């Protein structure tokens, strides 16, 4: 295997950081569209794409999201915030309860992961926020009850450069079954 051909991808993964401080600089529309294309390309169960993404760029709504996320104020600092929601009805018809309870959730989280990697590749910072009051986020966004907020992703130009964080050893994570 010629590792140098794969190096850019693995460097992207290794260079991703959780960014919680953002510049006031506006994110260019082309970069936002590129992130949207990455989201659209995310794999999903049965290709049903059982998720929806809400784009928030208005300060009052971002401040409300920050409060709903137990005062994680950096959410309101980012120029753009994406809220990923599972849409269980889109796959329950095909996969039943497992589709409703698991696959839709997985679809939304995979889409968020693709957005994170795209943002990093584009020179932007972001952080996955999973700590929030789902019902408050739903009210802020005016969500239909069929949608479940899963992740909040503030995105912008980083105002910080956190060092790499320690990781568990591969031997602790990976288990070969014989």
C-alpha atoms as a PDB file:
ATOM      1  CA  UNK A   1       0.000   0.000   0.000  1.00  0.00           C
ATOM      2  CA  UNK A   2       1.365   3.410  -0.973  1.00  0.00           C
ATOM      3  CA  UNK A   3       0.541   5.403   2.171  1.00  0.00           C
ATOM      4  CA  UNK A   4       1.491   8.775   0.690  1.00  0.00           C
ATOM      5  CA  UNK A   5      -1.580   8.611  -1.565  1.00  0.00           C
ATOM      6  CA  UNK A   6      -3.813   8.346   1.507  1.00  0.00           C
ATOM      7  CA  UNK A   7      -1.899  10.791   3.719  1.00  0.00           C
ATOM      8  CA  UNK A   8      -4.070  13.878   3.030  1.00  0.00           C
ATOM      9  CA  UNK A   9      -7.201  12.096   4.239  1.00  0.00           C
ATOM     10  CA  UNK A  10      -5.596  10.804   7.415  1.00  0.00           C
ATOM     11  CA  UNK A  11      -3.998  14.191   8.093  1.00  0.00           C
ATOM     12  CA  UNK A  12      -7.456  15.754   7.781  1.00  0.00           C
ATOM     13  CA  UNK A  13      -8.800  13.370  10.409  1.00  0.00           C
ATOM     14  CA  UNK A  14      -5.834  13.878  12.720  1.00  0.00           C
ATOM     15  CA  UNK A  15      -5.913  17.682  12.363  1.00  0.00           C
ATOM     16  CA  UNK A  16      -9.606  18.051  13.208  1.00  0.00           C
ATOM     17  CA  UNK A  17     -10.117  19.762  16.547  1.00  0.00           C
ATOM     18  CA  UNK A  18     -13.111  20.736  18.635  1.00  0.00           C
ATOM     19  CA  UNK A  19     -13.257  24.515  18.243  1.00  0.00           C
ATOM     20  CA  UNK A  20     -15.134  26.558  20.828  1.00  0.00           C
ATOM     21  CA  UNK A  21     -13.943  30.077  19.916  1.00  0.00           C
ATOM     22  CA  UNK A  22     -14.697  31.719  16.582  1.00  0.00           C
ATOM     23  CA  UNK A  23     -13.652  34.818  14.684  1.00  0.00           C
ATOM     24  CA  UNK A  24     -16.406  37.197  13.631  1.00  0.00           C
ATOM     25  CA  UNK A  25     -15.359  36.602  10.009  1.00  0.00           C
ATOM     26  CA  UNK A  26     -18.194  35.525   7.689  1.00  0.00           C
ATOM     27  CA  UNK A  27     -17.956  32.065   6.152  1.00  0.00           C
ATOM     28  CA  UNK A  28     -17.988  32.297   2.369  1.00  0.00           C
ATOM     29  CA  UNK A  29     -21.103  31.016   0.591  1.00  0.00           C
ATOM     30  CA  UNK A  30     -19.000  28.631  -1.522  1.00  0.00           C
ATOM     31  CA  UNK A  31     -17.659  26.949   1.599  1.00  0.00           C
ATOM     32  CA  UNK A  32     -21.133  26.622   3.076  1.00  0.00           C
ATOM     33  CA  UNK A  33     -22.374  25.062  -0.172  1.00  0.00           C
ATOM     34  CA  UNK A  34     -19.433  22.643  -0.165  1.00  0.00           C
ATOM     35  CA  UNK A  35     -20.394  21.560   3.354  1.00  0.00           C
ATOM     36  CA  UNK A  36     -23.983  21.090   2.189  1.00  0.00           C
ATOM     37  CA  UNK A  37     -22.761  18.870  -0.668  1.00  0.00           C
ATOM     38  CA  UNK A  38     -20.760  16.789   1.812  1.00  0.00           C
ATOM     39  CA  UNK A  39     -23.881  16.389   3.946  1.00  0.00           C
ATOM     40  CA  UNK A  40     -25.891  15.374   0.899  1.00  0.00           C
ATOM     41  CA  UNK A  41     -23.227  12.752   0.053  1.00  0.00           C
ATOM     42  CA  UNK A  42     -23.354  11.075   3.465  1.00  0.00           C
ATOM     43  CA  UNK A  43     -24.344   7.412   3.394  1.00  0.00           C
ATOM     44  CA  UNK A  44     -27.642   6.464   4.986  1.00  0.00           C
ATOM     45  CA  UNK A  45     -29.680   3.363   5.715  1.00  0.00           C
ATOM     46  CA  UNK A  46     -31.313   2.238   2.499  1.00  0.00           C
ATOM     47  CA  UNK A  47     -30.327   5.620   1.014  1.00  0.00           C
ATOM     48  CA  UNK A  48     -33.451   7.009   2.691  1.00  0.00           C
ATOM     49  CA  UNK A  49     -31.555  10.021   4.086  1.00  0.00           C
ATOM     50  CA  UNK A  50     -33.634  10.057   7.244  1.00  0.00           C
ATOM     51  CA  UNK A  51     -32.404  13.402   8.521  1.00  0.00           C
ATOM     52  CA  UNK A  52     -32.939  17.131   8.098  1.00  0.00           C
ATOM     53  CA  UNK A  53     -30.446  19.946   8.680  1.00  0.00           C
ATOM     54  CA  UNK A  54     -31.440  23.416   9.860  1.00  0.00           C
ATOM     55  CA  UNK A  55     -29.158  26.365   9.124  1.00  0.00           C
ATOM     56  CA  UNK A  56     -29.094  29.114  11.743  1.00  0.00           C
ATOM     57  CA  UNK A  57     -27.289  32.389  11.059  1.00  0.00           C
ATOM     58  CA  UNK A  58     -29.359  34.907  12.997  1.00  0.00           C
ATOM     59  CA  UNK A  59     -27.852  35.999  16.302  1.00  0.00           C
ATOM     60  CA  UNK A  60     -31.071  35.809  18.373  1.00  0.00           C
ATOM     61  CA  UNK A  61     -31.684  32.203  17.303  1.00  0.00           C
ATOM     62  CA  UNK A  62     -28.056  31.241  17.889  1.00  0.00           C
ATOM     63  CA  UNK A  63     -28.211  32.807  21.348  1.00  0.00           C
ATOM     64  CA  UNK A  64     -31.364  30.821  22.067  1.00  0.00           C
ATOM     65  CA  UNK A  65     -29.626  27.630  20.889  1.00  0.00           C
ATOM     66  CA  UNK A  66     -26.686  28.419  23.175  1.00  0.00           C
ATOM     67  CA  UNK A  67     -29.079  28.752  26.130  1.00  0.00           C
ATOM     68  CA  UNK A  68     -30.840  25.504  25.153  1.00  0.00           C
ATOM     69  CA  UNK A  69     -27.396  23.877  25.130  1.00  0.00           C
ATOM     70  CA  UNK A  70     -26.943  24.754  28.785  1.00  0.00           C
ATOM     71  CA  UNK A  71     -25.241  28.069  28.103  1.00  0.00           C
ATOM     72  CA  UNK A  72     -22.566  26.908  25.701  1.00  0.00           C
ATOM     73  CA  UNK A  73     -22.109  30.493  24.535  1.00  0.00           C
ATOM     74  CA  UNK A  74     -19.625  29.673  21.765  1.00  0.00           C
ATOM     75  CA  UNK A  75     -22.629  28.481  19.716  1.00  0.00           C
ATOM     76  CA  UNK A  76     -23.792  32.097  19.472  1.00  0.00           C
ATOM     77  CA  UNK A  77     -20.246  33.203  18.546  1.00  0.00           C
ATOM     78  CA  UNK A  78     -20.044  31.072  15.382  1.00  0.00           C
ATOM     79  CA  UNK A  79     -21.191  32.720  12.151  1.00  0.00           C
ATOM     80  CA  UNK A  80     -23.220  29.670  11.141  1.00  0.00           C
ATOM     81  CA  UNK A  81     -24.787  26.858  13.119  1.00  0.00           C
ATOM     82  CA  UNK A  82     -26.193  23.648  11.710  1.00  0.00           C
ATOM     83  CA  UNK A  83     -28.695  21.573  13.649  1.00  0.00           C
ATOM     84  CA  UNK A  84     -28.931  17.943  12.568  1.00  0.00           C
ATOM     85  CA  UNK A  85     -32.231  16.211  13.185  1.00  0.00           C
ATOM     86  CA  UNK A  86     -33.195  12.584  12.823  1.00  0.00           C
ATOM     87  CA  UNK A  87     -36.341  12.050  10.741  1.00  0.00           C
ATOM     88  CA  UNK A  88     -37.539   8.614  11.910  1.00  0.00           C
ATOM     89  CA  UNK A  89     -40.625   8.530   9.679  1.00  0.00           C
ATOM     90  CA  UNK A  90     -38.406   8.511   6.592  1.00  0.00           C
ATOM     91  CA  UNK A  91     -37.112   5.051   7.391  1.00  0.00           C
ATOM     92  CA  UNK A  92     -39.576   3.456   9.804  1.00  0.00           C
ATOM     93  CA  UNK A  93     -41.829   2.444   6.913  1.00  0.00           C
ATOM     94  CA  UNK A  94     -39.018   0.270   5.548  1.00  0.00           C
ATOM     95  CA  UNK A  95     -37.106  -0.774   8.663  1.00  0.00           C
ATOM     96  CA  UNK A  96     -39.762  -0.602  11.356  1.00  0.00           C
ATOM     97  CA  UNK A  97     -38.783   0.120  14.932  1.00  0.00           C
ATOM     98  CA  UNK A  98     -35.039  -0.305  14.260  1.00  0.00           C
ATOM     99  CA  UNK A  99     -35.241   2.278  11.482  1.00  0.00           C
ATOM    100  CA  UNK A 100     -37.189   4.640  13.719  1.00  0.00           C
ATOM    101  CA  UNK A 101     -35.018   4.289  16.824  1.00  0.00           C
ATOM    102  CA  UNK A 102     -31.572   3.673  15.341  1.00  0.00           C
ATOM    103  CA  UNK A 103     -31.114   4.151  11.601  1.00  0.00           C
ATOM    104  CA  UNK A 104     -32.523   7.698  11.484  1.00  0.00           C
ATOM    105  CA  UNK A 105     -30.244   8.643  14.379  1.00  0.00           C
ATOM    106  CA  UNK A 106     -27.272   7.087  12.611  1.00  0.00           C
ATOM    107  CA  UNK A 107     -28.129   8.898   9.376  1.00  0.00           C
ATOM    108  CA  UNK A 108     -28.133  12.273  11.150  1.00  0.00           C
ATOM    109  CA  UNK A 109     -24.867  11.572  12.954  1.00  0.00           C
ATOM    110  CA  UNK A 110     -23.099  10.384   9.809  1.00  0.00           C
ATOM    111  CA  UNK A 111     -24.239  13.546   8.012  1.00  0.00           C
ATOM    112  CA  UNK A 112     -22.891  15.648  10.888  1.00  0.00           C
ATOM    113  CA  UNK A 113     -19.569  13.811  10.709  1.00  0.00           C
ATOM    114  CA  UNK A 114     -19.312  14.504   6.986  1.00  0.00           C
ATOM    115  CA  UNK A 115     -20.036  18.194   7.691  1.00  0.00           C
ATOM    116  CA  UNK A 116     -17.300  18.285  10.350  1.00  0.00           C
ATOM    117  CA  UNK A 117     -14.718  16.782   8.011  1.00  0.00           C
ATOM    118  CA  UNK A 118     -15.747  19.089   5.163  1.00  0.00           C
ATOM    119  CA  UNK A 119     -15.495  22.144   7.423  1.00  0.00           C
ATOM    120  CA  UNK A 120     -12.031  21.060   8.554  1.00  0.00           C
ATOM    121  CA  UNK A 121     -10.903  20.498   4.961  1.00  0.00           C
ATOM    122  CA  UNK A 122     -12.125  23.997   4.100  1.00  0.00           C
ATOM    123  CA  UNK A 123     -10.035  25.599   6.870  1.00  0.00           C
ATOM    124  CA  UNK A 124     -12.981  26.102   9.220  1.00  0.00           C
ATOM    125  CA  UNK A 125     -13.460  25.056  12.808  1.00  0.00           C
ATOM    126  CA  UNK A 126     -16.438  23.378  14.394  1.00  0.00           C
ATOM    127  CA  UNK A 127     -17.438  21.314  17.385  1.00  0.00           C
ATOM    128  CA  UNK A 128     -20.083  18.648  17.819  1.00  0.00           C
ATOM    129  CA  UNK A 129     -22.554  19.696  20.512  1.00  0.00           C
ATOM    130  CA  UNK A 130     -24.730  16.928  21.864  1.00  0.00           C
ATOM    131  CA  UNK A 131     -25.556  18.416  25.260  1.00  0.00           C
ATOM    132  CA  UNK A 132     -28.799  20.328  24.870  1.00  0.00           C
ATOM    133  CA  UNK A 133     -32.485  20.236  25.728  1.00  0.00           C
ATOM    134  CA  UNK A 134     -34.131  18.591  22.710  1.00  0.00           C
ATOM    135  CA  UNK A 135     -37.551  20.120  23.335  1.00  0.00           C
ATOM    136  CA  UNK A 136     -36.126  23.646  23.623  1.00  0.00           C
ATOM    137  CA  UNK A 137     -34.137  23.231  20.411  1.00  0.00           C
ATOM    138  CA  UNK A 138     -37.293  21.939  18.714  1.00  0.00           C
ATOM    139  CA  UNK A 139     -39.246  24.987  19.883  1.00  0.00           C
ATOM    140  CA  UNK A 140     -36.528  27.426  18.795  1.00  0.00           C
ATOM    141  CA  UNK A 141     -36.441  25.956  15.303  1.00  0.00           C
ATOM    142  CA  UNK A 142     -40.194  25.377  15.090  1.00  0.00           C
ATOM    143  CA  UNK A 143     -39.649  21.696  14.419  1.00  0.00           C
ATOM    144  CA  UNK A 144     -42.411  19.274  13.639  1.00  0.00           C
ATOM    145  CA  UNK A 145     -42.720  16.578  16.318  1.00  0.00           C
ATOM    146  CA  UNK A 146     -41.523  14.016  13.782  1.00  0.00           C
ATOM    147  CA  UNK A 147     -38.006  15.511  13.897  1.00  0.00           C
ATOM    148  CA  UNK A 148     -35.544  14.829  16.705  1.00  0.00           C
ATOM    149  CA  UNK A 149     -32.572  17.199  17.203  1.00  0.00           C
ATOM    150  CA  UNK A 150     -29.406  15.106  17.473  1.00  0.00           C
ATOM    151  CA  UNK A 151     -26.433  17.454  17.096  1.00  0.00           C
ATOM    152  CA  UNK A 152     -25.663  21.148  16.956  1.00  0.00           C
ATOM    153  CA  UNK A 153     -22.626  22.091  14.854  1.00  0.00           C
ATOM    154  CA  UNK A 154     -21.372  25.678  15.134  1.00  0.00           C
ATOM    155  CA  UNK A 155     -18.999  26.474  12.255  1.00  0.00           C
ATOM    156  CA  UNK A 156     -16.618  29.356  11.626  1.00  0.00           C
ATOM    157  CA  UNK A 157     -13.034  30.450  11.419  1.00  0.00           C
ATOM    158  CA  UNK A 158     -11.225  29.325  14.550  1.00  0.00           C
ATOM    159  CA  UNK A 159     -10.051  31.849  17.106  1.00  0.00           C
ATOM    160  CA  UNK A 160      -8.116  29.131  18.916  1.00  0.00           C
ATOM    161  CA  UNK A 161      -5.832  26.236  18.116  1.00  0.00           C
ATOM    162  CA  UNK A 162      -6.308  23.539  20.732  1.00  0.00           C
ATOM    163  CA  UNK A 163      -3.539  20.950  21.056  1.00  0.00           C
ATOM    164  CA  UNK A 164      -4.264  17.334  20.151  1.00  0.00           C
ATOM    165  CA  UNK A 165      -5.989  15.397  22.906  1.00  0.00           C
ATOM    166  CA  UNK A 166      -4.951  11.974  24.046  1.00  0.00           C
ATOM    167  CA  UNK A 167      -6.602   8.958  22.543  1.00  0.00           C
ATOM    168  CA  UNK A 168      -7.130   5.441  23.771  1.00  0.00           C
ATOM    169  CA  UNK A 169      -4.659   2.923  22.419  1.00  0.00           C
ATOM    170  CA  UNK A 170      -5.791   1.050  19.324  1.00  0.00           C
ATOM    171  CA  UNK A 171      -5.429  -2.170  21.310  1.00  0.00           C
ATOM    172  CA  UNK A 172      -8.063  -0.869  23.761  1.00  0.00           C
ATOM    173  CA  UNK A 173     -10.500  -0.018  20.982  1.00  0.00           C
ATOM    174  CA  UNK A 174     -10.147  -2.776  18.430  1.00  0.00           C
ATOM    175  CA  UNK A 175     -10.972  -6.384  19.289  1.00  0.00           C
ATOM    176  CA  UNK A 176     -10.325  -9.238  16.934  1.00  0.00           C
ATOM    177  CA  UNK A 177     -12.842 -12.037  17.185  1.00  0.00           C
ATOM    178  CA  UNK A 178     -11.692 -15.572  16.411  1.00  0.00           C
END
